[in-house]
Amino acid sequence: MELLSKKTGLNSSLKAHDEDLSKKKTITSSIRVEINTISSSPMISETDTVILQKLTELLETKQKELERHGRSMLIISHALKFFLFW
């Protein structure tokens, strides 16, 4: 019974991580579009340069979050496989 409870908990955690990953991918994609839009403008103002810098920093932060998320998913996946085959 304890293993079933752990499996259920891992499945719930996996689902929550998948939803979080989807949201982070959407945010990251939106940031990339904004960066590309500003970068491709023929004339970039000082304000645009500041915004572009902040967006670039935000994108780097989100990419790091995605990397951490990937590591968490790997751990959960391995734990779930362990419980399934144990």
PDB file of N, CA and C in Angstrom:
ATOM      1  N   MET A   1       0.822  -1.200   0.000  1.00  0.00           N
ATOM      2  CA  MET A   1       0.000   0.000   0.000  1.00  0.00           C
ATOM      3  C   MET A   1       0.863   1.260   0.000  1.00  0.00           C
ATOM      4  N   GLU A   2       1.977   1.203   0.725  1.00  0.00           N
ATOM      5  CA  GLU A   2       2.866   2.356   0.792  1.00  0.00           C
ATOM      6  C   GLU A   2       3.458   2.661  -0.585  1.00  0.00           C
ATOM      7  N   LEU A   3       3.801   1.616  -1.327  1.00  0.00           N
ATOM      8  CA  LEU A   3       4.360   1.817  -2.669  1.00  0.00           C
ATOM      9  C   LEU A   3       3.322   2.446  -3.594  1.00  0.00           C
ATOM     10  N   LEU A   4       2.081   2.022  -3.475  1.00  0.00           N
ATOM     11  CA  LEU A   4       1.015   2.593  -4.300  1.00  0.00           C
ATOM     12  C   LEU A   4       0.848   4.074  -3.983  1.00  0.00           C
ATOM     13  N   SER A   5       0.942   4.412  -2.718  1.00  0.00           N
ATOM     14  CA  SER A   5       0.837   5.811  -2.305  1.00  0.00           C
ATOM     15  C   SER A   5       1.989   6.632  -2.878  1.00  0.00           C
ATOM     16  N   LYS A   6       3.205   6.092  -2.821  1.00  0.00           N
ATOM     17  CA  LYS A   6       4.363   6.798  -3.378  1.00  0.00           C
ATOM     18  C   LYS A   6       4.232   6.944  -4.886  1.00  0.00           C
ATOM     19  N   LYS A   7       3.747   5.890  -5.551  1.00  0.00           N
ATOM     20  CA  LYS A   7       3.561   5.944  -7.004  1.00  0.00           C
ATOM     21  C   LYS A   7       2.547   7.034  -7.362  1.00  0.00           C
ATOM     22  N   THR A   8       1.450   7.085  -6.623  1.00  0.00           N
ATOM     23  CA  THR A   8       0.423   8.100  -6.863  1.00  0.00           C
ATOM     24  C   THR A   8       1.001   9.496  -6.660  1.00  0.00           C
ATOM     25  N   GLY A   9       1.792   9.649  -5.593  1.00  0.00           N
ATOM     26  CA  GLY A   9       2.426  10.944  -5.334  1.00  0.00           C
ATOM     27  C   GLY A   9       3.381  11.342  -6.442  1.00  0.00           C
ATOM     28  N   LEU A  10       4.153  10.379  -6.935  1.00  0.00           N
ATOM     29  CA  LEU A  10       5.085  10.664  -8.024  1.00  0.00           C
ATOM     30  C   LEU A  10       4.346  11.026  -9.303  1.00  0.00           C
ATOM     31  N   ASN A  11       3.252  10.315  -9.577  1.00  0.00           N
ATOM     32  CA  ASN A  11       2.457  10.636 -10.774  1.00  0.00           C
ATOM     33  C   ASN A  11       1.884  12.046 -10.682  1.00  0.00           C
ATOM     34  N   SER A  12       1.416  12.430  -9.505  1.00  0.00           N
ATOM     35  CA  SER A  12       0.881  13.785  -9.310  1.00  0.00           C
ATOM     36  C   SER A  12       1.986  14.824  -9.499  1.00  0.00           C
ATOM     37  N   SER A  13       3.141  14.522  -8.938  1.00  0.00           N
ATOM     38  CA  SER A  13       4.276  15.439  -9.068  1.00  0.00           C
ATOM     39  C   SER A  13       4.700  15.570 -10.526  1.00  0.00           C
ATOM     40  N   LEU A  14       4.705  14.463 -11.233  1.00  0.00           N
ATOM     41  CA  LEU A  14       5.065  14.465 -12.645  1.00  0.00           C
ATOM     42  C   LEU A  14       4.088  15.319 -13.452  1.00  0.00           C
ATOM     43  N   LYS A  15       2.813  15.175 -13.162  1.00  0.00           N
ATOM     44  CA  LYS A  15       1.788  15.967 -13.866  1.00  0.00           C
ATOM     45  C   LYS A  15       1.968  17.461 -13.580  1.00  0.00           C
ATOM     46  N   ALA A  16       2.222  17.794 -12.314  1.00  0.00           N
ATOM     47  CA  ALA A  16       2.419  19.205 -11.939  1.00  0.00           C
ATOM     48  C   ALA A  16       3.656  19.774 -12.633  1.00  0.00           C
ATOM     49  N   HIS A  17       4.715  18.980 -12.698  1.00  0.00           N
ATOM     50  CA  HIS A  17       5.930  19.439 -13.368  1.00  0.00           C
ATOM     51  C   HIS A  17       5.692  19.624 -14.874  1.00  0.00           C
ATOM     52  N   ASP A  18       4.910  18.732 -15.473  1.00  0.00           N
ATOM     53  CA  ASP A  18       4.593  18.873 -16.898  1.00  0.00           C
ATOM     54  C   ASP A  18       3.836  20.168 -17.170  1.00  0.00           C
ATOM     55  N   GLU A  19       2.867  20.483 -16.305  1.00  0.00           N
ATOM     56  CA  GLU A  19       2.101  21.719 -16.469  1.00  0.00           C
ATOM     57  C   GLU A  19       3.007  22.942 -16.294  1.00  0.00           C
ATOM     58  N   ASP A  20       3.883  22.879 -15.301  1.00  0.00           N
ATOM     59  CA  ASP A  20       4.820  23.974 -15.062  1.00  0.00           C
ATOM     60  C   ASP A  20       5.768  24.144 -16.248  1.00  0.00           C
ATOM     61  N   LEU A  21       6.236  23.033 -16.781  1.00  0.00           N
ATOM     62  CA  LEU A  21       7.127  23.076 -17.940  1.00  0.00           C
ATOM     63  C   LEU A  21       6.437  23.732 -19.128  1.00  0.00           C
ATOM     64  N   SER A  22       5.199  23.386 -19.354  1.00  0.00           N
ATOM     65  CA  SER A  22       4.446  23.962 -20.466  1.00  0.00           C
ATOM     66  C   SER A  22       4.326  25.482 -20.320  1.00  0.00           C
ATOM     67  N   LYS A  23       4.031  25.935 -19.099  1.00  0.00           N
ATOM     68  CA  LYS A  23       3.920  27.375 -18.853  1.00  0.00           C
ATOM     69  C   LYS A  23       5.260  28.074 -19.090  1.00  0.00           C
ATOM     70  N   LYS A  24       6.336  27.462 -18.593  1.00  0.00           N
ATOM     71  CA  LYS A  24       7.658  28.073 -18.744  1.00  0.00           C
ATOM     72  C   LYS A  24       8.082  28.121 -20.205  1.00  0.00           C
ATOM     73  N   LYS A  25       7.741  27.090 -20.967  1.00  0.00           N
ATOM     74  CA  LYS A  25       8.067  27.087 -22.396  1.00  0.00           C
ATOM     75  C   LYS A  25       7.310  28.197 -23.119  1.00  0.00           C
ATOM     76  N   THR A  26       6.054  28.402 -22.749  1.00  0.00           N
ATOM     77  CA  THR A  26       5.246  29.454 -23.368  1.00  0.00           C
ATOM     78  C   THR A  26       5.837  30.833 -23.054  1.00  0.00           C
ATOM     79  N   ILE A  27       6.203  31.046 -21.806  1.00  0.00           N
ATOM     80  CA  ILE A  27       6.801  32.330 -21.405  1.00  0.00           C
ATOM     81  C   ILE A  27       8.112  32.549 -22.151  1.00  0.00           C
ATOM     82  N   THR A  28       8.952  31.511 -22.197  1.00  0.00           N
ATOM     83  CA  THR A  28      10.243  31.618 -22.874  1.00  0.00           C
ATOM     84  C   THR A  28      10.055  31.937 -24.351  1.00  0.00           C
ATOM     85  N   SER A  29       9.095  31.304 -24.967  1.00  0.00           N
ATOM     86  CA  SER A  29       8.816  31.551 -26.382  1.00  0.00           C
ATOM     87  C   SER A  29       8.372  33.004 -26.608  1.00  0.00           C
ATOM     88  N   SER A  30       7.521  33.506 -25.733  1.00  0.00           N
ATOM     89  CA  SER A  30       7.050  34.893 -25.846  1.00  0.00           C
ATOM     90  C   SER A  30       8.210  35.884 -25.705  1.00  0.00           C
ATOM     91  N   ILE A  31       9.113  35.587 -24.773  1.00  0.00           N
ATOM     92  CA  ILE A  31      10.269  36.463 -24.576  1.00  0.00           C
ATOM     93  C   ILE A  31      11.135  36.473 -25.826  1.00  0.00           C
ATOM     94  N   ARG A  32      11.345  35.311 -26.413  1.00  0.00           N
ATOM     95  CA  ARG A  32      12.145  35.228 -27.640  1.00  0.00           C
ATOM     96  C   ARG A  32      11.516  36.056 -28.767  1.00  0.00           C
ATOM     97  N   VAL A  33      10.204  35.987 -28.894  1.00  0.00           N
ATOM     98  CA  VAL A  33       9.509  36.759 -29.929  1.00  0.00           C
ATOM     99  C   VAL A  33       9.723  38.251 -29.698  1.00  0.00           C
ATOM    100  N   GLU A  34       9.586  38.692 -28.436  1.00  0.00           N
ATOM    101  CA  GLU A  34       9.799  40.111 -28.128  1.00  0.00           C
ATOM    102  C   GLU A  34      11.224  40.549 -28.461  1.00  0.00           C
ATOM    103  N   ILE A  35      12.188  39.709 -28.078  1.00  0.00           N
ATOM    104  CA  ILE A  35      13.590  40.025 -28.356  1.00  0.00           C
ATOM    105  C   ILE A  35      13.813  40.133 -29.862  1.00  0.00           C
ATOM    106  N   ASN A  36      13.296  39.175 -30.610  1.00  0.00           N
ATOM    107  CA  ASN A  36      13.466  39.202 -32.072  1.00  0.00           C
ATOM    108  C   ASN A  36      12.787  40.412 -32.699  1.00  0.00           C
ATOM    109  N   THR A  37      11.626  40.781 -32.197  1.00  0.00           N
ATOM    110  CA  THR A  37      10.903  41.942 -32.732  1.00  0.00           C
ATOM    111  C   THR A  37      11.711  43.220 -32.513  1.00  0.00           C
ATOM    112  N   ILE A  38      12.202  43.403 -31.297  1.00  0.00           N
ATOM    113  CA  ILE A  38      12.981  44.614 -30.996  1.00  0.00           C
ATOM    114  C   ILE A  38      14.300  44.601 -31.765  1.00  0.00           C
ATOM    115  N   SER A  39      14.958  43.450 -31.788  1.00  0.00           N
ATOM    116  CA  SER A  39      16.266  43.351 -32.460  1.00  0.00           C
ATOM    117  C   SER A  39      16.181  43.608 -33.952  1.00  0.00           C
ATOM    118  N   SER A  40      15.069  43.248 -34.544  1.00  0.00           N
ATOM    119  CA  SER A  40      14.952  43.401 -35.996  1.00  0.00           C
ATOM    120  C   SER A  40      14.475  44.792 -36.420  1.00  0.00           C
ATOM    121  N   SER A  41      14.190  45.647 -35.455  1.00  0.00           N
ATOM    122  CA  SER A  41      13.789  47.018 -35.785  1.00  0.00           C
ATOM    123  C   SER A  41      14.968  47.747 -36.427  1.00  0.00           C
ATOM    124  N   PRO A  42      14.695  48.557 -37.458  1.00  0.00           N
ATOM    125  CA  PRO A  42      15.776  49.267 -38.143  1.00  0.00           C
ATOM    126  C   PRO A  42      16.495  50.255 -37.213  1.00  0.00           C
ATOM    127  N   MET A  43      15.748  50.871 -36.310  1.00  0.00           N
ATOM    128  CA  MET A  43      16.357  51.836 -35.388  1.00  0.00           C
ATOM    129  C   MET A  43      15.922  51.446 -33.977  1.00  0.00           C
ATOM    130  N   ILE A  44      16.903  51.286 -33.123  1.00  0.00           N
ATOM    131  CA  ILE A  44      16.606  50.907 -31.743  1.00  0.00           C
ATOM    132  C   ILE A  44      16.920  52.097 -30.842  1.00  0.00           C
ATOM    133  N   SER A  45      15.920  52.496 -30.066  1.00  0.00           N
ATOM    134  CA  SER A  45      16.106  53.626 -29.149  1.00  0.00           C
ATOM    135  C   SER A  45      16.820  53.140 -27.887  1.00  0.00           C
ATOM    136  N   GLU A  46      17.207  54.081 -27.044  1.00  0.00           N
ATOM    137  CA  GLU A  46      17.839  53.722 -25.777  1.00  0.00           C
ATOM    138  C   GLU A  46      16.876  52.916 -24.915  1.00  0.00           C
ATOM    139  N   THR A  47      15.607  53.306 -24.964  1.00  0.00           N
ATOM    140  CA  THR A  47      14.587  52.575 -24.207  1.00  0.00           C
ATOM    141  C   THR A  47      14.509  51.131 -24.696  1.00  0.00           C
ATOM    142  N   ASP A  48      14.518  50.955 -26.026  1.00  0.00           N
ATOM    143  CA  ASP A  48      14.485  49.609 -26.593  1.00  0.00           C
ATOM    144  C   ASP A  48      15.712  48.797 -26.172  1.00  0.00           C
ATOM    145  N   THR A  49      16.845  49.458 -26.107  1.00  0.00           N
ATOM    146  CA  THR A  49      18.079  48.782 -25.693  1.00  0.00           C
ATOM    147  C   THR A  49      17.964  48.296 -24.253  1.00  0.00           C
ATOM    148  N   VAL A  50      17.413  49.120 -23.381  1.00  0.00           N
ATOM    149  CA  VAL A  50      17.222  48.737 -21.979  1.00  0.00           C
ATOM    150  C   VAL A  50      16.229  47.575 -21.887  1.00  0.00           C
ATOM    151  N   ILE A  51      15.133  47.690 -22.617  1.00  0.00           N
ATOM    152  CA  ILE A  51      14.123  46.634 -22.617  1.00  0.00           C
ATOM    153  C   ILE A  51      14.722  45.336 -23.145  1.00  0.00           C
ATOM    154  N   LEU A  52      15.481  45.435 -24.200  1.00  0.00           N
ATOM    155  CA  LEU A  52      16.124  44.263 -24.793  1.00  0.00           C
ATOM    156  C   LEU A  52      17.069  43.595 -23.791  1.00  0.00           C
ATOM    157  N   GLN A  53      17.819  44.380 -23.054  1.00  0.00           N
ATOM    158  CA  GLN A  53      18.729  43.842 -22.044  1.00  0.00           C
ATOM    159  C   GLN A  53      17.946  43.113 -20.945  1.00  0.00           C
ATOM    160  N   LYS A  54      16.860  43.731 -20.482  1.00  0.00           N
ATOM    161  CA  LYS A  54      16.045  43.111 -19.428  1.00  0.00           C
ATOM    162  C   LYS A  54      15.393  41.825 -19.929  1.00  0.00           C
ATOM    163  N   LEU A  55      14.914  41.842 -21.163  1.00  0.00           N
ATOM    164  CA  LEU A  55      14.310  40.637 -21.731  1.00  0.00           C
ATOM    165  C   LEU A  55      15.336  39.515 -21.889  1.00  0.00           C
ATOM    166  N   THR A  56      16.539  39.888 -22.279  1.00  0.00           N
ATOM    167  CA  THR A  56      17.606  38.899 -22.423  1.00  0.00           C
ATOM    168  C   THR A  56      17.931  38.272 -21.071  1.00  0.00           C
ATOM    169  N   GLU A  57      18.003  39.092 -20.028  1.00  0.00           N
ATOM    170  CA  GLU A  57      18.254  38.573 -18.687  1.00  0.00           C
ATOM    171  C   GLU A  57      17.118  37.672 -18.230  1.00  0.00           C
ATOM    172  N   LEU A  58      15.885  38.073 -18.520  1.00  0.00           N
ATOM    173  CA  LEU A  58      14.720  37.267 -18.159  1.00  0.00           C
ATOM    174  C   LEU A  58      14.740  35.928 -18.899  1.00  0.00           C
ATOM    175  N   LEU A  59      15.106  35.972 -20.167  1.00  0.00           N
ATOM    176  CA  LEU A  59      15.192  34.750 -20.958  1.00  0.00           C
ATOM    177  C   LEU A  59      16.238  33.801 -20.377  1.00  0.00           C
ATOM    178  N   GLU A  60      17.379  34.335 -19.988  1.00  0.00           N
ATOM    179  CA  GLU A  60      18.423  33.505 -19.382  1.00  0.00           C
ATOM    180  C   GLU A  60      17.924  32.864 -18.088  1.00  0.00           C
ATOM    181  N   THR A  61      17.184  33.634 -17.293  1.00  0.00           N
ATOM    182  CA  THR A  61      16.622  33.098 -16.044  1.00  0.00           C
ATOM    183  C   THR A  61      15.648  31.973 -16.339  1.00  0.00           C
ATOM    184  N   LYS A  62      14.769  32.175 -17.316  1.00  0.00           N
ATOM    185  CA  LYS A  62      13.778  31.150 -17.655  1.00  0.00           C
ATOM    186  C   LYS A  62      14.452  29.899 -18.219  1.00  0.00           C
ATOM    187  N   GLN A  63      15.518  30.073 -18.982  1.00  0.00           N
ATOM    188  CA  GLN A  63      16.232  28.915 -19.513  1.00  0.00           C
ATOM    189  C   GLN A  63      16.860  28.113 -18.375  1.00  0.00           C
ATOM    190  N   LYS A  64      17.390  28.791 -17.361  1.00  0.00           N
ATOM    191  CA  LYS A  64      17.943  28.093 -16.197  1.00  0.00           C
ATOM    192  C   LYS A  64      16.843  27.344 -15.455  1.00  0.00           C
ATOM    193  N   GLU A  65      15.655  27.966 -15.344  1.00  0.00           N
ATOM    194  CA  GLU A  65      14.527  27.297 -14.699  1.00  0.00           C
ATOM    195  C   GLU A  65      14.153  26.024 -15.465  1.00  0.00           C
ATOM    196  N   LEU A  66      14.166  26.116 -16.798  1.00  0.00           N
ATOM    197  CA  LEU A  66      13.847  24.943 -17.608  1.00  0.00           C
ATOM    198  C   LEU A  66      14.881  23.839 -17.409  1.00  0.00           C
ATOM    199  N   GLU A  67      16.149  24.216 -17.274  1.00  0.00           N
ATOM    200  CA  GLU A  67      17.189  23.221 -17.029  1.00  0.00           C
ATOM    201  C   GLU A  67      16.967  22.531 -15.681  1.00  0.00           C
ATOM    202  N   ARG A  68      16.649  23.328 -14.646  1.00  0.00           N
ATOM    203  CA  ARG A  68      16.380  22.742 -13.323  1.00  0.00           C
ATOM    204  C   ARG A  68      15.152  21.845 -13.385  1.00  0.00           C
ATOM    205  N   HIS A  69      14.158  22.300 -14.137  1.00  0.00           N
ATOM    206  CA  HIS A  69      12.929  21.514 -14.292  1.00  0.00           C
ATOM    207  C   HIS A  69      13.252  20.166 -14.932  1.00  0.00           C
ATOM    208  N   GLY A  70      14.107  20.193 -15.949  1.00  0.00           N
ATOM    209  CA  GLY A  70      14.488  18.959 -16.630  1.00  0.00           C
ATOM    210  C   GLY A  70      15.163  17.979 -15.687  1.00  0.00           C
ATOM    211  N   ARG A  71      16.016  18.494 -14.811  1.00  0.00           N
ATOM    212  CA  ARG A  71      16.678  17.621 -13.837  1.00  0.00           C
ATOM    213  C   ARG A  71      15.662  17.044 -12.862  1.00  0.00           C
ATOM    214  N   SER A  72      14.696  17.847 -12.420  1.00  0.00           N
ATOM    215  CA  SER A  72      13.655  17.366 -11.509  1.00  0.00           C
ATOM    216  C   SER A  72      12.822  16.280 -12.173  1.00  0.00           C
ATOM    217  N   MET A  73      12.482  16.496 -13.435  1.00  0.00           N
ATOM    218  CA  MET A  73      11.687  15.515 -14.170  1.00  0.00           C
ATOM    219  C   MET A  73      12.444  14.195 -14.289  1.00  0.00           C
ATOM    220  N   LEU A  74      13.729  14.256 -14.501  1.00  0.00           N
ATOM    221  CA  LEU A  74      14.551  13.061 -14.621  1.00  0.00           C
ATOM    222  C   LEU A  74      14.538  12.276 -13.317  1.00  0.00           C
ATOM    223  N   ILE A  75      14.676  12.965 -12.203  1.00  0.00           N
ATOM    224  CA  ILE A  75      14.660  12.317 -10.897  1.00  0.00           C
ATOM    225  C   ILE A  75      13.309  11.657 -10.650  1.00  0.00           C
ATOM    226  N   ILE A  76      12.225  12.383 -10.930  1.00  0.00           N
ATOM    227  CA  ILE A  76      10.882  11.830 -10.729  1.00  0.00           C
ATOM    228  C   ILE A  76      10.669  10.627 -11.640  1.00  0.00           C
ATOM    229  N   SER A  77      11.104  10.742 -12.870  1.00  0.00           N
ATOM    230  CA  SER A  77      10.948   9.646 -13.830  1.00  0.00           C
ATOM    231  C   SER A  77      11.673   8.393 -13.355  1.00  0.00           C
ATOM    232  N   HIS A  78      12.905   8.560 -12.869  1.00  0.00           N
ATOM    233  CA  HIS A  78      13.667   7.409 -12.371  1.00  0.00           C
ATOM    234  C   HIS A  78      12.993   6.795 -11.143  1.00  0.00           C
ATOM    235  N   ALA A  79      12.495   7.642 -10.256  1.00  0.00           N
ATOM    236  CA  ALA A  79      11.822   7.135  -9.062  1.00  0.00           C
ATOM    237  C   ALA A  79      10.560   6.373  -9.440  1.00  0.00           C
ATOM    238  N   LEU A  80       9.821   6.898 -10.399  1.00  0.00           N
ATOM    239  CA  LEU A  80       8.594   6.244 -10.841  1.00  0.00           C
ATOM    240  C   LEU A  80       8.909   4.898 -11.485  1.00  0.00           C
ATOM    241  N   LYS A  81       9.933   4.835 -12.307  1.00  0.00           N
ATOM    242  CA  LYS A  81      10.329   3.559 -12.913  1.00  0.00           C
ATOM    243  C   LYS A  81      10.738   2.561 -11.843  1.00  0.00           C
ATOM    244  N   PHE A  82      11.442   3.042 -10.823  1.00  0.00           N
ATOM    245  CA  PHE A  82      11.860   2.166  -9.738  1.00  0.00           C
ATOM    246  C   PHE A  82      10.648   1.533  -9.071  1.00  0.00           C
ATOM    247  N   PHE A  83       9.639   2.361  -8.776  1.00  0.00           N
ATOM    248  CA  PHE A  83       8.442   1.842  -8.108  1.00  0.00           C
ATOM    249  C   PHE A  83       7.620   0.945  -9.019  1.00  0.00           C
ATOM    250  N   LEU A  84       7.626   1.209 -10.310  1.00  0.00           N
ATOM    251  CA  LEU A  84       6.872   0.386 -11.245  1.00  0.00           C
ATOM    252  C   LEU A  84       7.482  -1.001 -11.400  1.00  0.00           C
ATOM    253  N   PHE A  85       8.794  -1.073 -11.381  1.00  0.00           N
ATOM    254  CA  PHE A  85       9.472  -2.343 -11.633  1.00  0.00           C
ATOM    255  C   PHE A  85       9.953  -3.029 -10.362  1.00  0.00           C
ATOM    256  N   TRP A  86       9.643  -2.464  -9.218  1.00  0.00           N
ATOM    257  CA  TRP A  86      10.086  -3.058  -7.970  1.00  0.00           C
ATOM    258  C   TRP A  86       9.154  -4.072  -7.480  1.00  0.00           C
TER     259      TRP A  86
END
